[in-house]
């Protein structure tokens, strides 16, 4: 399993602690804030690098496709007090990215340099990374086992390795829902990718 899983588990445990406190409630909304200002920052050199990485990967793995992904810019946990009760609201600040950008930034040999550049230029080490939002779950069976899946050999990262069930929310699905709720910012971001 990837070392990144520890971060996900920490987040889940933190939310569980909030949920277990009898005086608090956790509300996680589908999407509270989405805006193009939460998209990945860019500069010409990295765009050329992303294109080169993508061309190389597709030449070796022609089954890859460039799908839209939500980009996790930040998460904010707010406590709202209503009399004796407290509610915790988790707000995900999401932009848009794509699989090509993910392979050319987060999975690239340039990831460390991009983090340094982000820290120096934007005071945010993640500013130039794709940071796609992923979801995952640790599923425990009644007899105490944990469900793991073997990843396909036809993926760009971690092919054939064991993983927890998960994936990525699809912006186009969310866009259809947003249209029902007249969310013009999100609809425009989807069209622009």
C-alpha atoms as a PDB file:
ATOM      1  CA  UNK A   1       0.000   0.000   0.000  1.00  0.00           C
ATOM      2  CA  UNK A   2       1.077   3.543  -0.673  1.00  0.00           C
ATOM      3  CA  UNK A   3       2.426   5.601   2.214  1.00  0.00           C
ATOM      4  CA  UNK A   4      -0.181   8.218   1.228  1.00  0.00           C
ATOM      5  CA  UNK A   5      -2.871   5.986   2.749  1.00  0.00           C
ATOM      6  CA  UNK A   6      -1.725   7.010   6.240  1.00  0.00           C
ATOM      7  CA  UNK A   7      -2.853  10.572   5.533  1.00  0.00           C
ATOM      8  CA  UNK A   8      -6.266   9.364   4.411  1.00  0.00           C
ATOM      9  CA  UNK A   9      -6.654   7.190   7.500  1.00  0.00           C
ATOM     10  CA  UNK A  10      -5.643  10.085   9.733  1.00  0.00           C
ATOM     11  CA  UNK A  11      -8.366  12.205   8.171  1.00  0.00           C
ATOM     12  CA  UNK A  12     -10.965   9.463   8.637  1.00  0.00           C
ATOM     13  CA  UNK A  13      -9.943   8.938  12.258  1.00  0.00           C
ATOM     14  CA  UNK A  14     -10.139  12.673  12.933  1.00  0.00           C
ATOM     15  CA  UNK A  15     -13.641  12.847  11.514  1.00  0.00           C
ATOM     16  CA  UNK A  16     -14.646   9.773  13.501  1.00  0.00           C
ATOM     17  CA  UNK A  17     -13.504  11.425  16.723  1.00  0.00           C
ATOM     18  CA  UNK A  18     -15.677  14.440  15.959  1.00  0.00           C
ATOM     19  CA  UNK A  19     -18.599  12.194  15.093  1.00  0.00           C
ATOM     20  CA  UNK A  20     -18.217  10.139  18.273  1.00  0.00           C
ATOM     21  CA  UNK A  21     -18.583  13.157  20.577  1.00  0.00           C
ATOM     22  CA  UNK A  22     -22.247  13.222  21.643  1.00  0.00           C
ATOM     23  CA  UNK A  23     -22.400  17.036  21.544  1.00  0.00           C
ATOM     24  CA  UNK A  24     -21.114  17.377  18.002  1.00  0.00           C
ATOM     25  CA  UNK A  25     -22.364  16.424  14.579  1.00  0.00           C
ATOM     26  CA  UNK A  26     -20.326  16.114  11.403  1.00  0.00           C
ATOM     27  CA  UNK A  27     -21.816  17.352   8.165  1.00  0.00           C
ATOM     28  CA  UNK A  28     -19.820  16.753   5.033  1.00  0.00           C
ATOM     29  CA  UNK A  29     -21.325  18.497   2.063  1.00  0.00           C
ATOM     30  CA  UNK A  30     -20.983  17.228  -1.500  1.00  0.00           C
ATOM     31  CA  UNK A  31     -19.285  20.370  -2.780  1.00  0.00           C
ATOM     32  CA  UNK A  32     -19.380  23.702  -1.028  1.00  0.00           C
ATOM     33  CA  UNK A  33     -16.796  25.783  -2.791  1.00  0.00           C
ATOM     34  CA  UNK A  34     -15.602  25.304  -6.338  1.00  0.00           C
ATOM     35  CA  UNK A  35     -13.888  28.001  -8.313  1.00  0.00           C
ATOM     36  CA  UNK A  36     -11.148  28.378 -10.895  1.00  0.00           C
ATOM     37  CA  UNK A  37      -8.962  30.122  -8.291  1.00  0.00           C
ATOM     38  CA  UNK A  38      -8.538  26.664  -6.731  1.00  0.00           C
ATOM     39  CA  UNK A  39      -7.003  25.250  -9.945  1.00  0.00           C
ATOM     40  CA  UNK A  40      -3.319  24.350 -10.258  1.00  0.00           C
ATOM     41  CA  UNK A  41      -0.941  27.240 -10.866  1.00  0.00           C
ATOM     42  CA  UNK A  42       1.042  27.146 -14.100  1.00  0.00           C
ATOM     43  CA  UNK A  43       4.212  28.289 -15.800  1.00  0.00           C
ATOM     44  CA  UNK A  44       5.468  27.482 -19.340  1.00  0.00           C
ATOM     45  CA  UNK A  45       8.208  25.010 -18.357  1.00  0.00           C
ATOM     46  CA  UNK A  46       5.862  22.762 -16.394  1.00  0.00           C
ATOM     47  CA  UNK A  47       3.275  22.760 -19.181  1.00  0.00           C
ATOM     48  CA  UNK A  48       5.957  21.560 -21.624  1.00  0.00           C
ATOM     49  CA  UNK A  49       7.041  18.914 -19.108  1.00  0.00           C
ATOM     50  CA  UNK A  50       3.451  17.710 -18.612  1.00  0.00           C
ATOM     51  CA  UNK A  51       2.991  17.362 -22.382  1.00  0.00           C
ATOM     52  CA  UNK A  52       6.263  15.419 -22.711  1.00  0.00           C
ATOM     53  CA  UNK A  53       5.386  13.058 -19.838  1.00  0.00           C
ATOM     54  CA  UNK A  54       1.899  12.482 -21.231  1.00  0.00           C
ATOM     55  CA  UNK A  55       3.154  11.788 -24.770  1.00  0.00           C
ATOM     56  CA  UNK A  56       5.717   9.315 -23.429  1.00  0.00           C
ATOM     57  CA  UNK A  57       3.185   7.531 -21.203  1.00  0.00           C
ATOM     58  CA  UNK A  58       0.530   7.257 -23.920  1.00  0.00           C
ATOM     59  CA  UNK A  59       3.109   5.896 -26.379  1.00  0.00           C
ATOM     60  CA  UNK A  60       3.943   3.130 -23.871  1.00  0.00           C
ATOM     61  CA  UNK A  61       0.407   2.668 -22.533  1.00  0.00           C
ATOM     62  CA  UNK A  62      -2.037   3.569 -25.338  1.00  0.00           C
ATOM     63  CA  UNK A  63      -5.064   2.652 -23.206  1.00  0.00           C
ATOM     64  CA  UNK A  64      -4.556   5.708 -20.956  1.00  0.00           C
ATOM     65  CA  UNK A  65      -7.036   8.563 -21.331  1.00  0.00           C
ATOM     66  CA  UNK A  66      -7.085  12.070 -19.936  1.00  0.00           C
ATOM     67  CA  UNK A  67     -10.157  12.390 -17.724  1.00  0.00           C
ATOM     68  CA  UNK A  68     -11.205  15.447 -15.733  1.00  0.00           C
ATOM     69  CA  UNK A  69     -10.673  15.299 -11.954  1.00  0.00           C
ATOM     70  CA  UNK A  70     -11.496  17.566  -9.065  1.00  0.00           C
ATOM     71  CA  UNK A  71      -8.403  19.235  -7.597  1.00  0.00           C
ATOM     72  CA  UNK A  72      -8.299  19.444  -3.812  1.00  0.00           C
ATOM     73  CA  UNK A  73      -6.991  22.925  -3.048  1.00  0.00           C
ATOM     74  CA  UNK A  74      -7.760  22.835   0.672  1.00  0.00           C
ATOM     75  CA  UNK A  75     -10.160  21.607   3.302  1.00  0.00           C
ATOM     76  CA  UNK A  76     -11.508  23.728   6.110  1.00  0.00           C
ATOM     77  CA  UNK A  77     -13.157  22.290   9.205  1.00  0.00           C
ATOM     78  CA  UNK A  78     -15.469  24.825  10.872  1.00  0.00           C
ATOM     79  CA  UNK A  79     -17.286  24.502  14.161  1.00  0.00           C
ATOM     80  CA  UNK A  80     -20.732  26.074  14.283  1.00  0.00           C
ATOM     81  CA  UNK A  81     -22.326  26.480  17.681  1.00  0.00           C
ATOM     82  CA  UNK A  82     -26.111  26.392  18.010  1.00  0.00           C
ATOM     83  CA  UNK A  83     -26.940  26.693  21.688  1.00  0.00           C
ATOM     84  CA  UNK A  84     -25.499  23.686  23.508  1.00  0.00           C
ATOM     85  CA  UNK A  85     -24.922  21.798  20.238  1.00  0.00           C
ATOM     86  CA  UNK A  86     -21.902  22.081  17.972  1.00  0.00           C
ATOM     87  CA  UNK A  87     -21.774  21.081  14.320  1.00  0.00           C
ATOM     88  CA  UNK A  88     -18.572  20.493  12.416  1.00  0.00           C
ATOM     89  CA  UNK A  89     -18.740  21.371   8.733  1.00  0.00           C
ATOM     90  CA  UNK A  90     -16.022  20.195   6.382  1.00  0.00           C
ATOM     91  CA  UNK A  91     -15.672  22.476   3.357  1.00  0.00           C
ATOM     92  CA  UNK A  92     -13.689  21.151   0.418  1.00  0.00           C
ATOM     93  CA  UNK A  93     -12.281  23.909  -1.772  1.00  0.00           C
ATOM     94  CA  UNK A  94     -12.078  22.291  -5.198  1.00  0.00           C
ATOM     95  CA  UNK A  95     -10.715  23.307  -8.560  1.00  0.00           C
ATOM     96  CA  UNK A  96     -10.367  21.171 -11.659  1.00  0.00           C
ATOM     97  CA  UNK A  97      -7.426  19.223 -12.975  1.00  0.00           C
ATOM     98  CA  UNK A  98      -6.967  16.183 -15.189  1.00  0.00           C
ATOM     99  CA  UNK A  99      -5.189  12.851 -15.267  1.00  0.00           C
ATOM    100  CA  UNK A 100      -2.527  14.149 -17.661  1.00  0.00           C
ATOM    101  CA  UNK A 101      -1.608  16.942 -15.234  1.00  0.00           C
ATOM    102  CA  UNK A 102      -1.532  14.442 -12.365  1.00  0.00           C
ATOM    103  CA  UNK A 103       1.008  12.230 -14.142  1.00  0.00           C
ATOM    104  CA  UNK A 104       3.049  15.271 -15.198  1.00  0.00           C
ATOM    105  CA  UNK A 105       3.179  16.833 -11.724  1.00  0.00           C
ATOM    106  CA  UNK A 106       2.445  14.604  -8.711  1.00  0.00           C
ATOM    107  CA  UNK A 107       3.870  11.428 -10.315  1.00  0.00           C
ATOM    108  CA  UNK A 108       6.668  13.224 -12.132  1.00  0.00           C
ATOM    109  CA  UNK A 109      10.376  13.252 -11.321  1.00  0.00           C
ATOM    110  CA  UNK A 110       9.839  17.043 -11.090  1.00  0.00           C
ATOM    111  CA  UNK A 111       7.383  16.828  -8.160  1.00  0.00           C
ATOM    112  CA  UNK A 112       9.958  17.908  -5.551  1.00  0.00           C
ATOM    113  CA  UNK A 113      11.083  20.860  -7.653  1.00  0.00           C
ATOM    114  CA  UNK A 114       7.458  21.876  -8.213  1.00  0.00           C
ATOM    115  CA  UNK A 115       6.836  21.810  -4.473  1.00  0.00           C
ATOM    116  CA  UNK A 116       9.873  24.009  -3.838  1.00  0.00           C
ATOM    117  CA  UNK A 117       8.788  26.388  -6.602  1.00  0.00           C
ATOM    118  CA  UNK A 118       5.263  26.512  -5.160  1.00  0.00           C
ATOM    119  CA  UNK A 119       6.585  27.314  -1.707  1.00  0.00           C
ATOM    120  CA  UNK A 120       8.894  30.040  -3.032  1.00  0.00           C
ATOM    121  CA  UNK A 121       6.458  31.639  -5.490  1.00  0.00           C
ATOM    122  CA  UNK A 122       3.059  31.102  -3.870  1.00  0.00           C
ATOM    123  CA  UNK A 123       3.783  30.169  -0.225  1.00  0.00           C
ATOM    124  CA  UNK A 124       2.019  26.879  -1.072  1.00  0.00           C
ATOM    125  CA  UNK A 125       4.085  23.772  -1.878  1.00  0.00           C
ATOM    126  CA  UNK A 126       1.087  22.204  -3.631  1.00  0.00           C
ATOM    127  CA  UNK A 127       0.324  25.196  -5.909  1.00  0.00           C
ATOM    128  CA  UNK A 128       1.849  23.645  -9.053  1.00  0.00           C
ATOM    129  CA  UNK A 129       0.693  20.058  -8.402  1.00  0.00           C
ATOM    130  CA  UNK A 130      -2.496  18.541  -9.801  1.00  0.00           C
ATOM    131  CA  UNK A 131      -3.645  17.209  -6.388  1.00  0.00           C
ATOM    132  CA  UNK A 132      -6.650  15.226  -7.694  1.00  0.00           C
ATOM    133  CA  UNK A 133      -9.299  14.445  -5.105  1.00  0.00           C
ATOM    134  CA  UNK A 134      -9.498  10.746  -4.422  1.00  0.00           C
ATOM    135  CA  UNK A 135     -11.840   8.786  -2.233  1.00  0.00           C
ATOM    136  CA  UNK A 136     -11.151   5.525  -0.478  1.00  0.00           C
ATOM    137  CA  UNK A 137     -12.556   3.359   2.251  1.00  0.00           C
ATOM    138  CA  UNK A 138     -11.217   0.764   4.613  1.00  0.00           C
ATOM    139  CA  UNK A 139     -13.871  -1.927   4.582  1.00  0.00           C
ATOM    140  CA  UNK A 140     -13.821  -4.375   7.492  1.00  0.00           C
ATOM    141  CA  UNK A 141     -15.838  -7.555   7.265  1.00  0.00           C
ATOM    142  CA  UNK A 142     -17.897  -8.998  10.117  1.00  0.00           C
ATOM    143  CA  UNK A 143     -15.194 -11.601  10.737  1.00  0.00           C
ATOM    144  CA  UNK A 144     -12.479  -8.945  11.134  1.00  0.00           C
ATOM    145  CA  UNK A 145     -10.845  -9.097   7.704  1.00  0.00           C
ATOM    146  CA  UNK A 146     -10.125  -6.015   5.593  1.00  0.00           C
ATOM    147  CA  UNK A 147     -11.131  -5.829   1.922  1.00  0.00           C
ATOM    148  CA  UNK A 148      -8.273  -5.082  -0.480  1.00  0.00           C
ATOM    149  CA  UNK A 149      -8.367  -4.912  -4.263  1.00  0.00           C
ATOM    150  CA  UNK A 150      -5.603  -5.607  -6.751  1.00  0.00           C
ATOM    151  CA  UNK A 151      -5.135  -2.689  -9.131  1.00  0.00           C
ATOM    152  CA  UNK A 152      -5.284  -3.351 -12.852  1.00  0.00           C
ATOM    153  CA  UNK A 153      -2.086  -3.783 -14.850  1.00  0.00           C
ATOM    154  CA  UNK A 154      -3.490  -1.173 -17.250  1.00  0.00           C
ATOM    155  CA  UNK A 155      -3.193   1.906 -15.043  1.00  0.00           C
ATOM    156  CA  UNK A 156      -0.415   4.487 -15.073  1.00  0.00           C
ATOM    157  CA  UNK A 157       0.497   4.254 -11.391  1.00  0.00           C
ATOM    158  CA  UNK A 158       0.746   1.414  -8.857  1.00  0.00           C
ATOM    159  CA  UNK A 159      -0.183  -1.225 -11.465  1.00  0.00           C
ATOM    160  CA  UNK A 160      -0.902  -4.633  -9.963  1.00  0.00           C
ATOM    161  CA  UNK A 161      -0.513  -3.491  -6.336  1.00  0.00           C
ATOM    162  CA  UNK A 162      -2.998  -4.035  -3.529  1.00  0.00           C
ATOM    163  CA  UNK A 163      -5.160  -1.060  -2.625  1.00  0.00           C
ATOM    164  CA  UNK A 164      -8.282  -0.128  -0.699  1.00  0.00           C
ATOM    165  CA  UNK A 165     -11.575   0.332  -2.613  1.00  0.00           C
ATOM    166  CA  UNK A 166     -11.789   3.865  -3.963  1.00  0.00           C
ATOM    167  CA  UNK A 167     -11.634   6.155  -6.937  1.00  0.00           C
ATOM    168  CA  UNK A 168     -12.214   9.743  -8.004  1.00  0.00           C
ATOM    169  CA  UNK A 169     -15.474  11.729  -8.041  1.00  0.00           C
ATOM    170  CA  UNK A 170     -16.303  12.654 -11.635  1.00  0.00           C
ATOM    171  CA  UNK A 171     -16.644  16.403 -12.364  1.00  0.00           C
ATOM    172  CA  UNK A 172     -18.975  15.758 -15.311  1.00  0.00           C
ATOM    173  CA  UNK A 173     -21.414  13.919 -13.049  1.00  0.00           C
ATOM    174  CA  UNK A 174     -21.246  16.791 -10.573  1.00  0.00           C
ATOM    175  CA  UNK A 175     -21.698  19.248 -13.435  1.00  0.00           C
ATOM    176  CA  UNK A 176     -25.033  17.646 -14.345  1.00  0.00           C
ATOM    177  CA  UNK A 177     -26.148  18.049 -10.721  1.00  0.00           C
ATOM    178  CA  UNK A 178     -24.812  21.613 -10.640  1.00  0.00           C
ATOM    179  CA  UNK A 179     -26.888  22.467 -13.701  1.00  0.00           C
ATOM    180  CA  UNK A 180     -29.957  21.495 -11.723  1.00  0.00           C
ATOM    181  CA  UNK A 181     -28.852  23.891  -8.978  1.00  0.00           C
ATOM    182  CA  UNK A 182     -27.626  26.645 -11.337  1.00  0.00           C
ATOM    183  CA  UNK A 183     -23.952  26.559 -10.287  1.00  0.00           C
ATOM    184  CA  UNK A 184     -22.420  28.663 -13.121  1.00  0.00           C
ATOM    185  CA  UNK A 185     -18.844  28.668 -11.716  1.00  0.00           C
ATOM    186  CA  UNK A 186     -18.648  24.886 -11.656  1.00  0.00           C
ATOM    187  CA  UNK A 187     -20.331  24.498 -15.045  1.00  0.00           C
ATOM    188  CA  UNK A 188     -17.851  26.930 -16.632  1.00  0.00           C
ATOM    189  CA  UNK A 189     -14.869  25.140 -15.034  1.00  0.00           C
ATOM    190  CA  UNK A 190     -16.072  21.795 -16.451  1.00  0.00           C
ATOM    191  CA  UNK A 191     -16.440  23.285 -19.943  1.00  0.00           C
ATOM    192  CA  UNK A 192     -12.964  24.817 -19.757  1.00  0.00           C
ATOM    193  CA  UNK A 193     -11.209  21.452 -19.192  1.00  0.00           C
END
